[in-house]
């Protein structure tokens, strides 16, 4: 079992859902979760905002000083 599978088990047991916003991982977190059968029972989805402009426009992350 890996950490993603442990997370999946914990969320399914508690009836919880998770969603994410990724940047530097480029979608790796989502990939790991969606490789688990039945992921739609605990994983709502992900936004991958890699460019600084996407982080600001899509996610509302403020510009770094």
N, C-alpha and C. Protein backbone atom coordinates (compact mmCIF):
# COMPACT_ATOMS: atom_id res chain seq x y z
N UNK A 1 0.85 -1.18 0.00
CA UNK A 1 0.00 0.00 0.00
C UNK A 1 0.90 1.24 0.00
N UNK A 2 0.46 2.30 -0.72
CA UNK A 2 1.24 3.54 -0.72
C UNK A 2 0.45 4.63 0.00
N UNK A 3 1.04 5.79 0.12
CA UNK A 3 0.38 6.89 0.84
C UNK A 3 -0.93 7.31 0.21
N UNK A 4 -1.01 7.29 -1.12
CA UNK A 4 -2.26 7.66 -1.80
C UNK A 4 -3.36 6.66 -1.44
N UNK A 5 -3.02 5.38 -1.40
CA UNK A 5 -4.02 4.37 -1.05
C UNK A 5 -4.45 4.51 0.41
N UNK A 6 -3.52 4.83 1.29
CA UNK A 6 -3.86 5.07 2.70
C UNK A 6 -4.83 6.24 2.82
N UNK A 7 -4.55 7.30 2.07
CA UNK A 7 -5.43 8.47 2.07
C UNK A 7 -6.81 8.09 1.55
N UNK A 8 -6.84 7.32 0.47
CA UNK A 8 -8.12 6.89 -0.11
C UNK A 8 -8.94 6.10 0.90
N UNK A 9 -8.31 5.17 1.57
CA UNK A 9 -9.01 4.35 2.57
C UNK A 9 -9.57 5.23 3.68
N UNK A 10 -8.76 6.16 4.18
CA UNK A 10 -9.19 7.04 5.26
C UNK A 10 -10.39 7.89 4.84
N UNK A 11 -10.34 8.44 3.63
CA UNK A 11 -11.44 9.28 3.16
C UNK A 11 -12.70 8.46 2.93
N UNK A 12 -12.56 7.29 2.31
CA UNK A 12 -13.74 6.45 2.05
C UNK A 12 -14.39 5.99 3.36
N UNK A 13 -13.58 5.59 4.32
CA UNK A 13 -14.12 5.14 5.61
C UNK A 13 -14.91 6.22 6.32
N UNK A 14 -14.50 7.47 6.12
CA UNK A 14 -15.16 8.59 6.80
C UNK A 14 -16.21 9.27 5.93
N UNK A 15 -16.37 8.81 4.70
CA UNK A 15 -17.33 9.42 3.79
C UNK A 15 -16.93 10.83 3.37
N UNK A 16 -15.63 11.09 3.29
CA UNK A 16 -15.12 12.42 2.95
C UNK A 16 -14.71 12.49 1.49
N UNK A 17 -14.66 13.71 0.96
CA UNK A 17 -14.20 13.97 -0.40
C UNK A 17 -13.00 14.91 -0.30
N UNK A 18 -12.13 14.82 -1.30
CA UNK A 18 -10.98 15.72 -1.38
C UNK A 18 -10.90 16.31 -2.78
N UNK A 19 -10.44 17.54 -2.86
CA UNK A 19 -10.14 18.20 -4.13
C UNK A 19 -8.80 18.89 -3.93
N UNK A 20 -8.13 19.22 -5.02
CA UNK A 20 -6.81 19.83 -4.86
C UNK A 20 -6.57 20.93 -5.89
N UNK A 21 -5.61 21.77 -5.58
CA UNK A 21 -5.06 22.74 -6.51
C UNK A 21 -3.57 22.45 -6.53
N UNK A 22 -3.06 22.13 -7.71
CA UNK A 22 -1.65 21.76 -7.84
C UNK A 22 -0.91 22.78 -8.68
N UNK A 23 0.39 22.86 -8.44
CA UNK A 23 1.23 23.74 -9.24
C UNK A 23 2.49 22.98 -9.65
N UNK A 24 3.48 23.00 -8.80
CA UNK A 24 4.78 22.39 -9.14
C UNK A 24 4.70 20.89 -9.38
N UNK A 25 3.69 20.24 -8.84
CA UNK A 25 3.53 18.80 -9.05
C UNK A 25 2.98 18.50 -10.44
N UNK A 26 2.43 19.49 -11.12
CA UNK A 26 1.94 19.31 -12.48
C UNK A 26 0.84 18.28 -12.63
N UNK A 27 0.12 17.99 -11.56
CA UNK A 27 -0.97 17.03 -11.63
C UNK A 27 -0.62 15.66 -11.05
N UNK A 28 0.56 15.53 -10.47
CA UNK A 28 0.99 14.23 -9.93
C UNK A 28 0.06 13.74 -8.83
N UNK A 29 -0.37 14.63 -7.94
CA UNK A 29 -1.26 14.24 -6.85
C UNK A 29 -2.55 13.63 -7.41
N UNK A 30 -3.14 14.31 -8.40
CA UNK A 30 -4.36 13.80 -9.03
C UNK A 30 -4.11 12.45 -9.71
N UNK A 31 -2.99 12.36 -10.37
CA UNK A 31 -2.64 11.12 -11.06
C UNK A 31 -2.57 9.95 -10.08
N UNK A 32 -1.90 10.17 -8.96
CA UNK A 32 -1.78 9.10 -7.96
C UNK A 32 -3.14 8.67 -7.43
N UNK A 33 -4.02 9.64 -7.19
CA UNK A 33 -5.34 9.31 -6.66
C UNK A 33 -6.22 8.63 -7.70
N UNK A 34 -6.18 9.11 -8.94
CA UNK A 34 -7.07 8.54 -9.95
C UNK A 34 -6.60 7.18 -10.45
N UNK A 35 -5.42 6.75 -10.07
CA UNK A 35 -4.97 5.39 -10.38
C UNK A 35 -5.57 4.37 -9.41
N UNK A 36 -6.25 4.83 -8.39
CA UNK A 36 -6.88 3.96 -7.40
C UNK A 36 -8.31 3.67 -7.86
N UNK A 37 -8.65 2.39 -8.01
CA UNK A 37 -10.03 2.06 -8.42
C UNK A 37 -11.05 2.68 -7.45
N UNK A 38 -12.10 3.26 -8.01
CA UNK A 38 -13.16 3.85 -7.18
C UNK A 38 -12.81 5.24 -6.67
N UNK A 39 -11.82 5.90 -7.28
CA UNK A 39 -11.37 7.22 -6.81
C UNK A 39 -12.50 8.25 -6.78
N UNK A 40 -13.48 8.10 -7.64
CA UNK A 40 -14.56 9.09 -7.67
C UNK A 40 -15.40 9.08 -6.39
N UNK A 41 -15.23 8.07 -5.56
CA UNK A 41 -15.94 8.03 -4.29
C UNK A 41 -15.32 8.96 -3.25
N UNK A 42 -14.06 9.38 -3.46
CA UNK A 42 -13.40 10.25 -2.49
C UNK A 42 -12.67 11.43 -3.13
N UNK A 43 -12.49 11.43 -4.46
CA UNK A 43 -11.74 12.49 -5.13
C UNK A 43 -12.65 13.27 -6.06
N UNK A 44 -12.82 14.55 -5.75
CA UNK A 44 -13.71 15.41 -6.52
C UNK A 44 -13.05 15.94 -7.79
N UNK A 45 -11.77 16.26 -7.72
CA UNK A 45 -11.05 16.76 -8.89
C UNK A 45 -9.89 17.65 -8.50
N UNK A 46 -9.24 18.22 -9.52
CA UNK A 46 -8.06 19.03 -9.29
C UNK A 46 -7.95 20.11 -10.35
N UNK A 47 -7.35 21.20 -9.96
CA UNK A 47 -6.96 22.27 -10.88
C UNK A 47 -5.44 22.28 -10.89
N UNK A 48 -4.86 22.25 -12.08
CA UNK A 48 -3.40 22.39 -12.20
C UNK A 48 -3.14 23.78 -12.77
N UNK A 49 -2.63 24.65 -11.93
CA UNK A 49 -2.32 26.02 -12.32
C UNK A 49 -0.81 26.19 -12.17
N UNK A 50 -0.10 26.01 -13.25
CA UNK A 50 1.36 25.99 -13.18
C UNK A 50 1.98 27.38 -13.34
N UNK A 51 1.53 28.11 -14.33
CA UNK A 51 2.08 29.46 -14.57
C UNK A 51 1.62 30.42 -13.49
N UNK A 52 2.48 31.36 -13.10
CA UNK A 52 2.07 32.34 -12.10
C UNK A 52 0.77 33.06 -12.47
N UNK A 53 0.58 33.37 -13.74
CA UNK A 53 -0.65 34.06 -14.15
C UNK A 53 -1.88 33.18 -13.91
N UNK A 54 -1.76 31.88 -14.13
CA UNK A 54 -2.89 30.97 -13.88
C UNK A 54 -3.19 30.88 -12.40
N UNK A 55 -2.16 30.87 -11.57
CA UNK A 55 -2.37 30.83 -10.12
C UNK A 55 -3.15 32.05 -9.66
N UNK A 56 -2.81 33.21 -10.22
CA UNK A 56 -3.49 34.44 -9.84
C UNK A 56 -4.91 34.48 -10.40
N UNK A 57 -5.07 34.16 -11.67
CA UNK A 57 -6.37 34.28 -12.34
C UNK A 57 -7.36 33.20 -11.94
N UNK A 58 -6.91 31.97 -11.87
CA UNK A 58 -7.83 30.84 -11.62
C UNK A 58 -8.01 30.60 -10.13
N UNK A 59 -6.93 30.69 -9.37
CA UNK A 59 -6.99 30.33 -7.95
C UNK A 59 -7.02 31.54 -7.01
N UNK A 60 -6.81 32.72 -7.54
CA UNK A 60 -6.83 33.91 -6.69
C UNK A 60 -5.62 34.04 -5.78
N UNK A 61 -4.51 33.42 -6.16
CA UNK A 61 -3.27 33.52 -5.38
C UNK A 61 -2.67 34.89 -5.66
N UNK A 62 -2.33 35.64 -4.61
CA UNK A 62 -1.76 36.98 -4.85
C UNK A 62 -0.35 36.89 -5.47
N UNK A 63 -0.03 37.94 -6.21
CA UNK A 63 1.32 38.05 -6.81
C UNK A 63 2.36 38.14 -5.69
N UNK A 64 3.46 37.44 -5.88
CA UNK A 64 4.53 37.50 -4.87
C UNK A 64 5.26 38.81 -4.99
N UNK A 65 5.63 39.40 -3.86
CA UNK A 65 6.34 40.70 -3.90
C UNK A 65 7.74 40.57 -4.50
